[in-house]
Amino acid sequence: MISIKLESLAHGQSAFKAYEDGEPVGSMVVLISGDTLKAIHTEVDPAHEGKGIARQLLDAMVAHARENKLRVVPICPYVLAQFRRHPERYADLWIG
């Protein structure tokens, strides 16, 4: 089972990190400033691709943004592609 935690990184960045059995398998780096969350980069360990981990990271980021009333700037190509594919899901968050 995948668990996702929001962790602080250097330079004011944070990351939603995905773990499977305690081992890191993916992450989404974000920068939160004021009421804005910039989704910068999403990466999944190649051995774990195809398990929907990137989607789980996206869902965790979106839930966090909504809970904290943040607007999202999708810099990450994966996040941007999902926002463009499903604008109705993310219209309340998306700063395009």
PDB file of N, CA and C in Angstrom:
ATOM      1  N   MET A   1       0.836  -1.185   0.000  1.00  0.00           N
ATOM      2  CA  MET A   1       0.000   0.000   0.000  1.00  0.00           C
ATOM      3  C   MET A   1       0.883   1.252   0.000  1.00  0.00           C
ATOM      4  N   ILE A   2       0.457   2.236  -0.746  1.00  0.00           N
ATOM      5  CA  ILE A   2       1.198   3.490  -0.861  1.00  0.00           C
ATOM      6  C   ILE A   2       0.721   4.453   0.221  1.00  0.00           C
ATOM      7  N   SER A   3       1.690   5.081   0.895  1.00  0.00           N
ATOM      8  CA  SER A   3       1.365   6.163   1.824  1.00  0.00           C
ATOM      9  C   SER A   3       2.067   7.414   1.326  1.00  0.00           C
ATOM     10  N   ILE A   4       1.418   8.558   1.519  1.00  0.00           N
ATOM     11  CA  ILE A   4       1.975   9.823   1.038  1.00  0.00           C
ATOM     12  C   ILE A   4       2.082  10.790   2.197  1.00  0.00           C
ATOM     13  N   LYS A   5       3.263  11.418   2.295  1.00  0.00           N
ATOM     14  CA  LYS A   5       3.534  12.386   3.359  1.00  0.00           C
ATOM     15  C   LYS A   5       4.063  13.668   2.743  1.00  0.00           C
ATOM     16  N   LEU A   6       3.675  14.805   3.334  1.00  0.00           N
ATOM     17  CA  LEU A   6       4.221  16.093   2.930  1.00  0.00           C
ATOM     18  C   LEU A   6       5.427  16.370   3.813  1.00  0.00           C
ATOM     19  N   GLU A   7       6.586  16.569   3.189  1.00  0.00           N
ATOM     20  CA  GLU A   7       7.833  16.768   3.919  1.00  0.00           C
ATOM     21  C   GLU A   7       8.520  18.048   3.458  1.00  0.00           C
ATOM     22  N   SER A   8       9.221  18.696   4.374  1.00  0.00           N
ATOM     23  CA  SER A   8       9.981  19.912   4.049  1.00  0.00           C
ATOM     24  C   SER A   8      11.307  19.539   3.404  1.00  0.00           C
ATOM     25  N   LEU A   9      11.719  20.361   2.443  1.00  0.00           N
ATOM     26  CA  LEU A   9      13.008  20.212   1.774  1.00  0.00           C
ATOM     27  C   LEU A   9      13.798  21.496   1.972  1.00  0.00           C
ATOM     28  N   ALA A  10      14.956  21.580   1.352  1.00  0.00           N
ATOM     29  CA  ALA A  10      15.783  22.781   1.412  1.00  0.00           C
ATOM     30  C   ALA A  10      15.188  23.887   0.543  1.00  0.00           C
ATOM     31  N   HIS A  11      15.626  25.100   0.758  1.00  0.00           N
ATOM     32  CA  HIS A  11      15.286  26.271  -0.054  1.00  0.00           C
ATOM     33  C   HIS A  11      13.789  26.580  -0.052  1.00  0.00           C
ATOM     34  N   GLY A  12      13.100  26.263   1.027  1.00  0.00           N
ATOM     35  CA  GLY A  12      11.692  26.587   1.156  1.00  0.00           C
ATOM     36  C   GLY A  12      10.755  25.662   0.395  1.00  0.00           C
ATOM     37  N   GLN A  13      11.312  24.655  -0.251  1.00  0.00           N
ATOM     38  CA  GLN A  13      10.477  23.723  -0.986  1.00  0.00           C
ATOM     39  C   GLN A  13       9.975  22.620  -0.067  1.00  0.00           C
ATOM     40  N   SER A  14       8.928  21.965  -0.517  1.00  0.00           N
ATOM     41  CA  SER A  14       8.384  20.794   0.164  1.00  0.00           C
ATOM     42  C   SER A  14       8.160  19.725  -0.887  1.00  0.00           C
ATOM     43  N   ALA A  15       7.829  18.525  -0.440  1.00  0.00           N
ATOM     44  CA  ALA A  15       7.523  17.456  -1.386  1.00  0.00           C
ATOM     45  C   ALA A  15       6.482  16.533  -0.792  1.00  0.00           C
ATOM     46  N   PHE A  16       5.558  16.138  -1.644  1.00  0.00           N
ATOM     47  CA  PHE A  16       4.665  15.044  -1.310  1.00  0.00           C
ATOM     48  C   PHE A  16       5.454  13.807  -1.699  1.00  0.00           C
ATOM     49  N   LYS A  17       5.758  12.963  -0.722  1.00  0.00           N
ATOM     50  CA  LYS A  17       6.572  11.773  -0.984  1.00  0.00           C
ATOM     51  C   LYS A  17       5.728  10.526  -0.804  1.00  0.00           C
ATOM     52  N   ALA A  18       5.852   9.633  -1.788  1.00  0.00           N
ATOM     53  CA  ALA A  18       5.126   8.373  -1.770  1.00  0.00           C
ATOM     54  C   ALA A  18       6.052   7.266  -1.270  1.00  0.00           C
ATOM     55  N   TYR A  19       5.519   6.459  -0.366  1.00  0.00           N
ATOM     56  CA  TYR A  19       6.270   5.344   0.206  1.00  0.00           C
ATOM     57  C   TYR A  19       5.474   4.056   0.041  1.00  0.00           C
ATOM     58  N   GLU A  20       6.193   2.992  -0.268  1.00  0.00           N
ATOM     59  CA  GLU A  20       5.588   1.660  -0.297  1.00  0.00           C
ATOM     60  C   GLU A  20       6.417   0.781   0.626  1.00  0.00           C
ATOM     61  N   ASP A  21       5.784   0.259   1.641  1.00  0.00           N
ATOM     62  CA  ASP A  21       6.479  -0.544   2.652  1.00  0.00           C
ATOM     63  C   ASP A  21       7.670   0.211   3.240  1.00  0.00           C
ATOM     64  N   GLY A  22       7.496   1.511   3.448  1.00  0.00           N
ATOM     65  CA  GLY A  22       8.529   2.340   4.059  1.00  0.00           C
ATOM     66  C   GLY A  22       9.620   2.804   3.125  1.00  0.00           C
ATOM     67  N   GLU A  23       9.591   2.362   1.881  1.00  0.00           N
ATOM     68  CA  GLU A  23      10.611   2.748   0.900  1.00  0.00           C
ATOM     69  C   GLU A  23      10.071   3.848  -0.006  1.00  0.00           C
ATOM     70  N   PRO A  24      10.875   4.899  -0.284  1.00  0.00           N
ATOM     71  CA  PRO A  24      10.410   5.968  -1.178  1.00  0.00           C
ATOM     72  C   PRO A  24      10.266   5.457  -2.604  1.00  0.00           C
ATOM     73  N   VAL A  25       9.123   5.782  -3.230  1.00  0.00           N
ATOM     74  CA  VAL A  25       8.875   5.325  -4.597  1.00  0.00           C
ATOM     75  C   VAL A  25       8.492   6.466  -5.541  1.00  0.00           C
ATOM     76  N   GLY A  26       8.295   7.672  -4.993  1.00  0.00           N
ATOM     77  CA  GLY A  26       7.956   8.799  -5.850  1.00  0.00           C
ATOM     78  C   GLY A  26       7.834  10.075  -5.048  1.00  0.00           C
ATOM     79  N   SER A  27       7.852  11.206  -5.762  1.00  0.00           N
ATOM     80  CA  SER A  27       7.706  12.492  -5.073  1.00  0.00           C
ATOM     81  C   SER A  27       7.195  13.559  -6.033  1.00  0.00           C
ATOM     82  N   MET A  28       6.556  14.554  -5.433  1.00  0.00           N
ATOM     83  CA  MET A  28       6.128  15.746  -6.164  1.00  0.00           C
ATOM     84  C   MET A  28       6.658  16.938  -5.390  1.00  0.00           C
ATOM     85  N   VAL A  29       7.605  17.664  -5.990  1.00  0.00           N
ATOM     86  CA  VAL A  29       8.212  18.824  -5.344  1.00  0.00           C
ATOM     87  C   VAL A  29       7.317  20.032  -5.572  1.00  0.00           C
ATOM     88  N   VAL A  30       7.065  20.771  -4.487  1.00  0.00           N
ATOM     89  CA  VAL A  30       6.216  21.959  -4.550  1.00  0.00           C
ATOM     90  C   VAL A  30       6.878  23.107  -3.798  1.00  0.00           C
ATOM     91  N   LEU A  31       6.449  24.300  -4.130  1.00  0.00           N
ATOM     92  CA  LEU A  31       6.878  25.497  -3.420  1.00  0.00           C
ATOM     93  C   LEU A  31       5.612  26.232  -3.005  1.00  0.00           C
ATOM     94  N   ILE A  32       5.426  26.383  -1.701  1.00  0.00           N
ATOM     95  CA  ILE A  32       4.242  27.061  -1.185  1.00  0.00           C
ATOM     96  C   ILE A  32       4.663  28.427  -0.667  1.00  0.00           C
ATOM     97  N   SER A  33       4.015  29.456  -1.190  1.00  0.00           N
ATOM     98  CA  SER A  33       4.312  30.823  -0.792  1.00  0.00           C
ATOM     99  C   SER A  33       2.998  31.593  -0.729  1.00  0.00           C
ATOM    100  N   GLY A  34       2.668  32.088   0.455  1.00  0.00           N
ATOM    101  CA  GLY A  34       1.401  32.790   0.618  1.00  0.00           C
ATOM    102  C   GLY A  34       0.250  31.856   0.326  1.00  0.00           C
ATOM    103  N   ASP A  35      -0.604  32.253  -0.618  1.00  0.00           N
ATOM    104  CA  ASP A  35      -1.752  31.417  -0.965  1.00  0.00           C
ATOM    105  C   ASP A  35      -1.553  30.698  -2.300  1.00  0.00           C
ATOM    106  N   THR A  36      -0.280  30.523  -2.687  1.00  0.00           N
ATOM    107  CA  THR A  36       0.046  29.887  -3.962  1.00  0.00           C
ATOM    108  C   THR A  36       0.917  28.648  -3.746  1.00  0.00           C
ATOM    109  N   LEU A  37       0.576  27.585  -4.456  1.00  0.00           N
ATOM    110  CA  LEU A  37       1.385  26.370  -4.462  1.00  0.00           C
ATOM    111  C   LEU A  37       1.860  26.164  -5.892  1.00  0.00           C
ATOM    112  N   LYS A  38       3.175  26.125  -6.088  1.00  0.00           N
ATOM    113  CA  LYS A  38       3.743  25.835  -7.401  1.00  0.00           C
ATOM    114  C   LYS A  38       4.139  24.360  -7.413  1.00  0.00           C
ATOM    115  N   ALA A  39       3.520  23.603  -8.308  1.00  0.00           N
ATOM    116  CA  ALA A  39       3.873  22.194  -8.495  1.00  0.00           C
ATOM    117  C   ALA A  39       5.039  22.176  -9.480  1.00  0.00           C
ATOM    118  N   ILE A  40       6.213  21.804  -8.981  1.00  0.00           N
ATOM    119  CA  ILE A  40       7.436  21.978  -9.759  1.00  0.00           C
ATOM    120  C   ILE A  40       7.855  20.725 -10.527  1.00  0.00           C
ATOM    121  N   HIS A  41       7.825  19.572  -9.867  1.00  0.00           N
ATOM    122  CA  HIS A  41       8.369  18.360 -10.500  1.00  0.00           C
ATOM    123  C   HIS A  41       7.752  17.121  -9.867  1.00  0.00           C
ATOM    124  N   THR A  42       7.377  16.168 -10.698  1.00  0.00           N
ATOM    125  CA  THR A  42       6.872  14.876 -10.221  1.00  0.00           C
ATOM    126  C   THR A  42       7.765  13.779 -10.782  1.00  0.00           C
ATOM    127  N   GLU A  43       8.124  12.844  -9.912  1.00  0.00           N
ATOM    128  CA  GLU A  43       8.987  11.751 -10.342  1.00  0.00           C
ATOM    129  C   GLU A  43       8.588  10.470  -9.617  1.00  0.00           C
ATOM    130  N   VAL A  44       8.536   9.378 -10.373  1.00  0.00           N
ATOM    131  CA  VAL A  44       8.233   8.065  -9.805  1.00  0.00           C
ATOM    132  C   VAL A  44       9.390   7.134 -10.155  1.00  0.00           C
ATOM    133  N   ASP A  45       9.816   6.349  -9.184  1.00  0.00           N
ATOM    134  CA  ASP A  45      10.874   5.369  -9.400  1.00  0.00           C
ATOM    135  C   ASP A  45      10.468   4.466 -10.576  1.00  0.00           C
ATOM    136  N   PRO A  46      11.363   4.292 -11.559  1.00  0.00           N
ATOM    137  CA  PRO A  46      11.013   3.490 -12.738  1.00  0.00           C
ATOM    138  C   PRO A  46      10.494   2.086 -12.398  1.00  0.00           C
ATOM    139  N   ALA A  47      10.975   1.514 -11.329  1.00  0.00           N
ATOM    140  CA  ALA A  47      10.518   0.173 -10.938  1.00  0.00           C
ATOM    141  C   ALA A  47       9.068   0.178 -10.463  1.00  0.00           C
ATOM    142  N   HIS A  48       8.526   1.357 -10.203  1.00  0.00           N
ATOM    143  CA  HIS A  48       7.161   1.471  -9.680  1.00  0.00           C
ATOM    144  C   HIS A  48       6.212   2.201 -10.636  1.00  0.00           C
ATOM    145  N   GLU A  49       6.665   2.462 -11.849  1.00  0.00           N
ATOM    146  CA  GLU A  49       5.801   3.121 -12.831  1.00  0.00           C
ATOM    147  C   GLU A  49       4.621   2.219 -13.178  1.00  0.00           C
ATOM    148  N   GLY A  50       3.511   2.845 -13.538  1.00  0.00           N
ATOM    149  CA  GLY A  50       2.332   2.088 -13.934  1.00  0.00           C
ATOM    150  C   GLY A  50       1.441   1.666 -12.780  1.00  0.00           C
ATOM    151  N   LYS A  51       1.775   2.094 -11.565  1.00  0.00           N
ATOM    152  CA  LYS A  51       0.983   1.750 -10.389  1.00  0.00           C
ATOM    153  C   LYS A  51       0.063   2.882  -9.946  1.00  0.00           C
ATOM    154  N   GLY A  52       0.048   3.980 -10.703  1.00  0.00           N
ATOM    155  CA  GLY A  52      -0.807   5.104 -10.349  1.00  0.00           C
ATOM    156  C   GLY A  52      -0.242   5.984  -9.248  1.00  0.00           C
ATOM    157  N   ILE A  53       1.056   5.896  -9.020  1.00  0.00           N
ATOM    158  CA  ILE A  53       1.672   6.672  -7.937  1.00  0.00           C
ATOM    159  C   ILE A  53       1.645   8.163  -8.245  1.00  0.00           C
ATOM    160  N   ALA A  54       1.944   8.544  -9.487  1.00  0.00           N
ATOM    161  CA  ALA A  54       1.910   9.968  -9.847  1.00  0.00           C
ATOM    162  C   ALA A  54       0.501  10.517  -9.614  1.00  0.00           C
ATOM    163  N   ARG A  55      -0.504   9.752  -9.939  1.00  0.00           N
ATOM    164  CA  ARG A  55      -1.886  10.182  -9.732  1.00  0.00           C
ATOM    165  C   ARG A  55      -2.182  10.358  -8.239  1.00  0.00           C
ATOM    166  N   GLN A  56      -1.677   9.449  -7.411  1.00  0.00           N
ATOM    167  CA  GLN A  56      -1.877   9.562  -5.969  1.00  0.00           C
ATOM    168  C   GLN A  56      -1.178  10.796  -5.412  1.00  0.00           C
ATOM    169  N   LEU A  57       0.002  11.101  -5.938  1.00  0.00           N
ATOM    170  CA  LEU A  57       0.703  12.311  -5.526  1.00  0.00           C
ATOM    171  C   LEU A  57      -0.097  13.550  -5.933  1.00  0.00           C
ATOM    172  N   LEU A  58      -0.628  13.539  -7.152  1.00  0.00           N
ATOM    173  CA  LEU A  58      -1.451  14.654  -7.627  1.00  0.00           C
ATOM    174  C   LEU A  58      -2.683  14.819  -6.738  1.00  0.00           C
ATOM    175  N   ASP A  59      -3.340  13.721  -6.422  1.00  0.00           N
ATOM    176  CA  ASP A  59      -4.537  13.786  -5.578  1.00  0.00           C
ATOM    177  C   ASP A  59      -4.216  14.339  -4.194  1.00  0.00           C
ATOM    178  N   ALA A  60      -3.072  13.946  -3.638  1.00  0.00           N
ATOM    179  CA  ALA A  60      -2.666  14.449  -2.314  1.00  0.00           C
ATOM    180  C   ALA A  60      -2.371  15.946  -2.379  1.00  0.00           C
ATOM    181  N   MET A  61      -1.696  16.377  -3.440  1.00  0.00           N
ATOM    182  CA  MET A  61      -1.392  17.809  -3.599  1.00  0.00           C
ATOM    183  C   MET A  61      -2.675  18.617  -3.745  1.00  0.00           C
ATOM    184  N   VAL A  62      -3.602  18.133  -4.554  1.00  0.00           N
ATOM    185  CA  VAL A  62      -4.868  18.829  -4.782  1.00  0.00           C
ATOM    186  C   VAL A  62      -5.668  18.907  -3.482  1.00  0.00           C
ATOM    187  N   ALA A  63      -5.723  17.823  -2.741  1.00  0.00           N
ATOM    188  CA  ALA A  63      -6.442  17.824  -1.462  1.00  0.00           C
ATOM    189  C   ALA A  63      -5.827  18.838  -0.504  1.00  0.00           C
ATOM    190  N   HIS A  64      -4.503  18.869  -0.450  1.00  0.00           N
ATOM    191  CA  HIS A  64      -3.802  19.819   0.418  1.00  0.00           C
ATOM    192  C   HIS A  64      -4.111  21.261  -0.009  1.00  0.00           C
ATOM    193  N   ALA A  65      -4.066  21.510  -1.310  1.00  0.00           N
ATOM    194  CA  ALA A  65      -4.342  22.859  -1.820  1.00  0.00           C
ATOM    195  C   ALA A  65      -5.762  23.285  -1.463  1.00  0.00           C
ATOM    196  N   ARG A  66      -6.706  22.397  -1.631  1.00  0.00           N
ATOM    197  CA  ARG A  66      -8.099  22.748  -1.322  1.00  0.00           C
ATOM    198  C   ARG A  66      -8.292  22.967   0.175  1.00  0.00           C
ATOM    199  N   GLU A  67      -7.725  22.097   0.989  1.00  0.00           N
ATOM    200  CA  GLU A  67      -7.864  22.227   2.443  1.00  0.00           C
ATOM    201  C   GLU A  67      -7.275  23.533   2.954  1.00  0.00           C
ATOM    202  N   ASN A  68      -6.220  24.005   2.293  1.00  0.00           N
ATOM    203  CA  ASN A  68      -5.523  25.207   2.737  1.00  0.00           C
ATOM    204  C   ASN A  68      -5.829  26.430   1.883  1.00  0.00           C
ATOM    205  N   LYS A  69      -6.836  26.312   1.019  1.00  0.00           N
ATOM    206  CA  LYS A  69      -7.281  27.409   0.163  1.00  0.00           C
ATOM    207  C   LYS A  69      -6.130  28.011  -0.649  1.00  0.00           C
ATOM    208  N   LEU A  70      -5.337  27.120  -1.269  1.00  0.00           N
ATOM    209  CA  LEU A  70      -4.208  27.533  -2.093  1.00  0.00           C
ATOM    210  C   LEU A  70      -4.589  27.478  -3.560  1.00  0.00           C
ATOM    211  N   ARG A  71      -4.012  28.374  -4.336  1.00  0.00           N
ATOM    212  CA  ARG A  71      -4.127  28.336  -5.794  1.00  0.00           C
ATOM    213  C   ARG A  71      -2.894  27.618  -6.326  1.00  0.00           C
ATOM    214  N   VAL A  72      -3.040  26.877  -7.425  1.00  0.00           N
ATOM    215  CA  VAL A  72      -1.959  26.037  -7.939  1.00  0.00           C
ATOM    216  C   VAL A  72      -1.439  26.559  -9.268  1.00  0.00           C
ATOM    217  N   VAL A  73      -0.127  26.676  -9.358  1.00  0.00           N
ATOM    218  CA  VAL A  73       0.569  26.996 -10.608  1.00  0.00           C
ATOM    219  C   VAL A  73       1.228  25.693 -11.060  1.00  0.00           C
ATOM    220  N   PRO A  74       0.711  25.056 -12.111  1.00  0.00           N
ATOM    221  CA  PRO A  74       1.240  23.765 -12.547  1.00  0.00           C
ATOM    222  C   PRO A  74       2.455  23.901 -13.472  1.00  0.00           C
ATOM    223  N   ILE A  75       3.628  24.002 -12.878  1.00  0.00           N
ATOM    224  CA  ILE A  75       4.872  24.097 -13.654  1.00  0.00           C
ATOM    225  C   ILE A  75       5.291  22.706 -14.148  1.00  0.00           C
ATOM    226  N   CYS A  76       5.084  21.712 -13.318  1.00  0.00           N
ATOM    227  CA  CYS A  76       5.428  20.325 -13.647  1.00  0.00           C
ATOM    228  C   CYS A  76       4.647  19.870 -14.880  1.00  0.00           C
ATOM    229  N   PRO A  77       5.314  19.278 -15.875  1.00  0.00           N
ATOM    230  CA  PRO A  77       4.614  18.828 -17.084  1.00  0.00           C
ATOM    231  C   PRO A  77       3.486  17.837 -16.795  1.00  0.00           C
ATOM    232  N   TYR A  78       3.679  16.938 -15.845  1.00  0.00           N
ATOM    233  CA  TYR A  78       2.634  15.964 -15.518  1.00  0.00           C
ATOM    234  C   TYR A  78       1.403  16.666 -14.945  1.00  0.00           C
ATOM    235  N   VAL A  79       1.613  17.550 -13.986  1.00  0.00           N
ATOM    236  CA  VAL A  79       0.497  18.259 -13.361  1.00  0.00           C
ATOM    237  C   VAL A  79      -0.212  19.133 -14.391  1.00  0.00           C
ATOM    238  N   LEU A  80       0.543  19.845 -15.199  1.00  0.00           N
ATOM    239  CA  LEU A  80      -0.046  20.690 -16.234  1.00  0.00           C
ATOM    240  C   LEU A  80      -0.883  19.858 -17.206  1.00  0.00           C
ATOM    241  N   ALA A  81      -0.368  18.717 -17.609  1.00  0.00           N
ATOM    242  CA  ALA A  81      -1.110  17.844 -18.534  1.00  0.00           C
ATOM    243  C   ALA A  81      -2.425  17.386 -17.915  1.00  0.00           C
ATOM    244  N   GLN A  82      -2.415  17.035 -16.637  1.00  0.00           N
ATOM    245  CA  GLN A  82      -3.638  16.596 -15.967  1.00  0.00           C
ATOM    246  C   GLN A  82      -4.633  17.749 -15.833  1.00  0.00           C
ATOM    247  N   PHE A  83      -4.138  18.940 -15.501  1.00  0.00           N
ATOM    248  CA  PHE A  83      -5.015  20.107 -15.389  1.00  0.00           C
ATOM    249  C   PHE A  83      -5.651  20.425 -16.741  1.00  0.00           C
ATOM    250  N   ARG A  84      -4.871  20.318 -17.810  1.00  0.00           N
ATOM    251  CA  ARG A  84      -5.406  20.595 -19.148  1.00  0.00           C
ATOM    252  C   ARG A  84      -6.392  19.522 -19.590  1.00  0.00           C
ATOM    253  N   ARG A  85      -6.114  18.265 -19.247  1.00  0.00           N
ATOM    254  CA  ARG A  85      -6.990  17.160 -19.629  1.00  0.00           C
ATOM    255  C   ARG A  85      -8.328  17.196 -18.901  1.00  0.00           C
ATOM    256  N   HIS A  86      -8.314  17.669 -17.668  1.00  0.00           N
ATOM    257  CA  HIS A  86      -9.506  17.655 -16.818  1.00  0.00           C
ATOM    258  C   HIS A  86      -9.727  19.016 -16.161  1.00  0.00           C
ATOM    259  N   PRO A  87      -9.918  20.069 -16.959  1.00  0.00           N
ATOM    260  CA  PRO A  87     -10.032  21.413 -16.375  1.00  0.00           C
ATOM    261  C   PRO A  87     -11.196  21.547 -15.400  1.00  0.00           C
ATOM    262  N   GLU A  88     -12.250  20.772 -15.588  1.00  0.00           N
ATOM    263  CA  GLU A  88     -13.399  20.852 -14.687  1.00  0.00           C
ATOM    264  C   GLU A  88     -13.050  20.380 -13.273  1.00  0.00           C
ATOM    265  N   ARG A  89     -12.097  19.490 -13.145  1.00  0.00           N
ATOM    266  CA  ARG A  89     -11.682  18.990 -11.829  1.00  0.00           C
ATOM    267  C   ARG A  89     -10.868  20.010 -11.049  1.00  0.00           C
ATOM    268  N   TYR A  90     -10.145  20.870 -11.775  1.00  0.00           N
ATOM    269  CA  TYR A  90      -9.151  21.712 -11.134  1.00  0.00           C
ATOM    270  C   TYR A  90      -9.419  23.212 -11.291  1.00  0.00           C
ATOM    271  N   ALA A  91     -10.540  23.597 -11.854  1.00  0.00           N
ATOM    272  CA  ALA A  91     -10.835  24.999 -12.141  1.00  0.00           C
ATOM    273  C   ALA A  91     -10.772  25.875 -10.886  1.00  0.00           C
ATOM    274  N   ASP A  92     -11.142  25.326  -9.740  1.00  0.00           N
ATOM    275  CA  ASP A  92     -11.128  26.106  -8.505  1.00  0.00           C
ATOM    276  C   ASP A  92      -9.720  26.376  -7.983  1.00  0.00           C
ATOM    277  N   LEU A  93      -8.727  25.665  -8.505  1.00  0.00           N
ATOM    278  CA  LEU A  93      -7.349  25.770  -8.026  1.00  0.00           C
ATOM    279  C   LEU A  93      -6.400  26.424  -9.022  1.00  0.00           C
ATOM    280  N   TRP A  94      -6.665  26.217 -10.275  1.00  0.00           N
ATOM    281  CA  TRP A  94      -5.690  26.463 -11.342  1.00  0.00           C
ATOM    282  C   TRP A  94      -5.480  27.939 -11.629  1.00  0.00           C
ATOM    283  N   ILE A  95      -4.221  28.347 -11.501  1.00  0.00           N
ATOM    284  CA  ILE A  95      -3.786  29.646 -11.991  1.00  0.00           C
ATOM    285  C   ILE A  95      -3.079  29.344 -13.301  1.00  0.00           C
ATOM    286  N   GLY A  96      -3.733  29.605 -14.393  1.00  0.00           N
ATOM    287  CA  GLY A  96      -3.182  29.231 -15.694  1.00  0.00           C
ATOM    288  C   GLY A  96      -2.598  30.390 -16.369  1.00  0.00           C
TER     289      GLY A  96
END
